């Protein structure tokens, strides 16, 4: 398989995933209070949004790479 075909296919897959999920969420644990042997931790949830424009650019780029090959 040629590198341009692989790159185009990968961009199309990334574009579809970006449209499907529109972001991902991850959780971090942070210390809230540290009083010697007593510790209180909190879990914070962070979201990293993926705008639809990113998915569209990946899809179009992947399609153009596949069309350029032929």
N, C-alpha and C. Protein backbone atom coordinates (compact mmCIF):
# COMPACT_ATOMS: atom_id res chain seq x y z
N UNK A 1 0.85 -1.17 0.00
CA UNK A 1 0.00 0.00 0.00
C UNK A 1 0.90 1.24 0.00
N UNK A 2 0.56 2.20 -0.82
CA UNK A 2 1.36 3.43 -0.93
C UNK A 2 1.12 4.34 0.27
N UNK A 3 2.11 5.16 0.61
CA UNK A 3 1.95 6.07 1.75
C UNK A 3 0.80 7.06 1.59
N UNK A 4 0.56 7.55 0.36
CA UNK A 4 -0.55 8.50 0.19
C UNK A 4 -1.89 7.83 0.40
N UNK A 5 -2.00 6.57 0.00
CA UNK A 5 -3.25 5.83 0.21
C UNK A 5 -3.48 5.60 1.70
N UNK A 6 -2.42 5.23 2.41
CA UNK A 6 -2.53 5.02 3.86
C UNK A 6 -2.88 6.32 4.58
N UNK A 7 -2.22 7.41 4.20
CA UNK A 7 -2.49 8.70 4.84
C UNK A 7 -3.92 9.15 4.55
N UNK A 8 -4.37 8.98 3.33
CA UNK A 8 -5.74 9.36 2.97
C UNK A 8 -6.77 8.56 3.74
N UNK A 9 -6.54 7.26 3.85
CA UNK A 9 -7.46 6.39 4.60
C UNK A 9 -7.48 6.77 6.07
N UNK A 10 -6.31 7.04 6.63
CA UNK A 10 -6.21 7.43 8.03
C UNK A 10 -6.94 8.76 8.29
N UNK A 11 -6.79 9.73 7.39
CA UNK A 11 -7.48 11.01 7.56
C UNK A 11 -8.99 10.84 7.49
N UNK A 12 -9.46 9.97 6.62
CA UNK A 12 -10.90 9.73 6.52
C UNK A 12 -11.42 9.10 7.81
N UNK A 13 -10.68 8.14 8.36
CA UNK A 13 -11.09 7.50 9.62
C UNK A 13 -11.10 8.51 10.76
N UNK A 14 -10.07 9.36 10.83
CA UNK A 14 -10.02 10.39 11.87
C UNK A 14 -11.19 11.36 11.72
N UNK A 15 -11.51 11.74 10.48
CA UNK A 15 -12.64 12.64 10.24
C UNK A 15 -13.96 12.05 10.69
N UNK A 16 -14.16 10.77 10.41
CA UNK A 16 -15.41 10.11 10.83
C UNK A 16 -15.50 10.04 12.35
N UNK A 17 -14.38 9.72 13.00
CA UNK A 17 -14.37 9.67 14.47
C UNK A 17 -14.62 11.05 15.06
N UNK A 18 -14.04 12.09 14.46
CA UNK A 18 -14.24 13.46 14.96
C UNK A 18 -15.70 13.88 14.83
N UNK A 19 -16.36 13.48 13.75
CA UNK A 19 -17.78 13.78 13.60
C UNK A 19 -18.63 12.98 14.58
N UNK A 20 -18.24 11.75 14.86
CA UNK A 20 -19.04 10.88 15.73
C UNK A 20 -18.97 11.32 17.19
N UNK A 21 -17.76 11.55 17.69
CA UNK A 21 -17.60 11.82 19.12
C UNK A 21 -17.62 13.30 19.46
N UNK A 22 -17.18 14.16 18.60
CA UNK A 22 -17.13 15.61 18.79
C UNK A 22 -16.41 16.01 20.07
N UNK A 23 -15.44 15.21 20.49
CA UNK A 23 -14.63 15.54 21.66
C UNK A 23 -14.46 14.33 22.56
N UNK A 24 -13.57 14.45 23.53
CA UNK A 24 -13.40 13.38 24.49
C UNK A 24 -13.19 13.96 25.87
N UNK A 25 -13.48 13.13 26.87
CA UNK A 25 -13.43 13.55 28.26
C UNK A 25 -12.41 12.71 29.01
N UNK A 26 -11.66 13.36 29.89
CA UNK A 26 -10.72 12.63 30.73
C UNK A 26 -10.83 13.16 32.16
N UNK A 27 -10.41 12.34 33.12
CA UNK A 27 -10.54 12.67 34.53
C UNK A 27 -9.16 12.75 35.17
N UNK A 28 -8.96 13.78 36.00
CA UNK A 28 -7.72 13.92 36.76
C UNK A 28 -8.05 13.93 38.26
N UNK A 29 -7.11 13.45 39.05
CA UNK A 29 -7.27 13.46 40.50
C UNK A 29 -6.33 14.50 41.09
N UNK A 30 -6.87 15.37 41.93
CA UNK A 30 -6.08 16.44 42.54
C UNK A 30 -6.27 16.43 44.05
N UNK A 31 -5.21 16.81 44.78
CA UNK A 31 -5.33 16.94 46.23
C UNK A 31 -6.08 18.22 46.56
N UNK A 32 -7.10 18.09 47.39
CA UNK A 32 -7.85 19.26 47.83
C UNK A 32 -7.33 19.72 49.19
N UNK A 33 -7.09 18.76 50.09
CA UNK A 33 -6.61 19.08 51.43
C UNK A 33 -5.54 18.07 51.80
N UNK A 34 -4.43 18.56 52.38
CA UNK A 34 -3.36 17.68 52.83
C UNK A 34 -2.97 18.10 54.25
N UNK A 35 -3.53 17.39 55.24
CA UNK A 35 -3.25 17.70 56.64
C UNK A 35 -2.52 16.53 57.29
N UNK A 36 -1.28 16.33 56.91
CA UNK A 36 -0.50 15.22 57.46
C UNK A 36 -1.05 13.89 56.98
N UNK A 37 -1.53 13.06 57.93
CA UNK A 37 -2.03 11.75 57.53
C UNK A 37 -3.42 11.81 56.85
N UNK A 38 -4.08 12.94 56.95
CA UNK A 38 -5.42 13.08 56.35
C UNK A 38 -5.28 13.80 55.02
N UNK A 39 -5.76 13.14 53.98
CA UNK A 39 -5.71 13.73 52.64
C UNK A 39 -7.10 13.63 52.01
N UNK A 40 -7.49 14.69 51.35
CA UNK A 40 -8.76 14.70 50.62
C UNK A 40 -8.43 14.98 49.16
N UNK A 41 -8.92 14.12 48.30
CA UNK A 41 -8.69 14.31 46.87
C UNK A 41 -10.02 14.52 46.16
N UNK A 42 -9.94 15.19 45.04
CA UNK A 42 -11.12 15.41 44.21
C UNK A 42 -10.80 14.95 42.79
N UNK A 43 -11.83 14.52 42.12
CA UNK A 43 -11.69 14.14 40.72
C UNK A 43 -12.34 15.21 39.86
N UNK A 44 -11.57 15.73 38.92
CA UNK A 44 -12.09 16.74 38.00
C UNK A 44 -12.21 16.13 36.62
N UNK A 45 -13.31 16.43 35.98
CA UNK A 45 -13.55 15.93 34.63
C UNK A 45 -13.29 17.06 33.64
N UNK A 46 -12.42 16.80 32.68
CA UNK A 46 -12.07 17.79 31.67
C UNK A 46 -12.57 17.30 30.31
N UNK A 47 -13.04 18.23 29.50
CA UNK A 47 -13.51 17.88 28.17
C UNK A 47 -12.70 18.63 27.12
N UNK A 48 -12.23 17.90 26.12
CA UNK A 48 -11.51 18.48 25.00
C UNK A 48 -12.42 18.38 23.78
N UNK A 49 -13.05 19.49 23.39
CA UNK A 49 -13.98 19.42 22.26
C UNK A 49 -13.27 19.36 20.92
N UNK A 50 -13.86 18.63 19.99
CA UNK A 50 -13.37 18.58 18.61
C UNK A 50 -14.45 19.22 17.73
N UNK A 51 -14.20 20.40 17.21
CA UNK A 51 -15.21 21.05 16.39
C UNK A 51 -15.45 20.27 15.10
N UNK A 52 -16.65 20.35 14.55
CA UNK A 52 -16.96 19.65 13.31
C UNK A 52 -16.04 20.08 12.15
N UNK A 53 -15.48 21.26 12.24
CA UNK A 53 -14.58 21.74 11.19
C UNK A 53 -13.34 20.84 11.09
N UNK A 54 -12.86 20.35 12.21
CA UNK A 54 -11.70 19.44 12.21
C UNK A 54 -12.04 18.15 11.47
N UNK A 55 -13.22 17.61 11.76
CA UNK A 55 -13.65 16.40 11.06
C UNK A 55 -13.81 16.63 9.58
N UNK A 56 -14.37 17.78 9.21
CA UNK A 56 -14.55 18.09 7.80
C UNK A 56 -13.24 18.25 7.06
N UNK A 57 -12.29 18.92 7.69
CA UNK A 57 -10.98 19.12 7.06
C UNK A 57 -10.28 17.77 6.87
N UNK A 58 -10.36 16.89 7.87
CA UNK A 58 -9.75 15.57 7.75
C UNK A 58 -10.40 14.75 6.65
N UNK A 59 -11.74 14.80 6.58
CA UNK A 59 -12.44 14.05 5.54
C UNK A 59 -12.07 14.55 4.15
N UNK A 60 -12.12 15.85 3.95
CA UNK A 60 -11.81 16.42 2.64
C UNK A 60 -10.35 16.14 2.27
N UNK A 61 -9.45 16.30 3.22
CA UNK A 61 -8.04 16.01 2.96
C UNK A 61 -7.80 14.57 2.58
N UNK A 62 -8.47 13.66 3.29
CA UNK A 62 -8.33 12.23 2.98
C UNK A 62 -8.88 11.88 1.62
N UNK A 63 -10.03 12.45 1.28
CA UNK A 63 -10.62 12.19 -0.03
C UNK A 63 -9.73 12.75 -1.14
N UNK A 64 -9.20 13.96 -0.93
CA UNK A 64 -8.31 14.53 -1.95
C UNK A 64 -7.04 13.70 -2.14
N UNK A 65 -6.50 13.17 -1.04
CA UNK A 65 -5.31 12.32 -1.16
C UNK A 65 -5.62 11.04 -1.94
N UNK A 66 -6.80 10.46 -1.71
CA UNK A 66 -7.16 9.24 -2.43
C UNK A 66 -7.45 9.54 -3.89
N UNK A 67 -8.04 10.69 -4.17
CA UNK A 67 -8.32 11.04 -5.57
C UNK A 67 -7.04 11.41 -6.32
N UNK A 68 -6.10 12.03 -5.63
CA UNK A 68 -4.84 12.42 -6.24
C UNK A 68 -4.05 11.19 -6.68
N UNK A 69 -4.20 10.13 -5.95
CA UNK A 69 -3.48 8.88 -6.24
C UNK A 69 -3.90 8.32 -7.60
N UNK A 70 -5.17 8.42 -7.94
CA UNK A 70 -5.65 7.82 -9.20
C UNK A 70 -5.57 8.72 -10.37
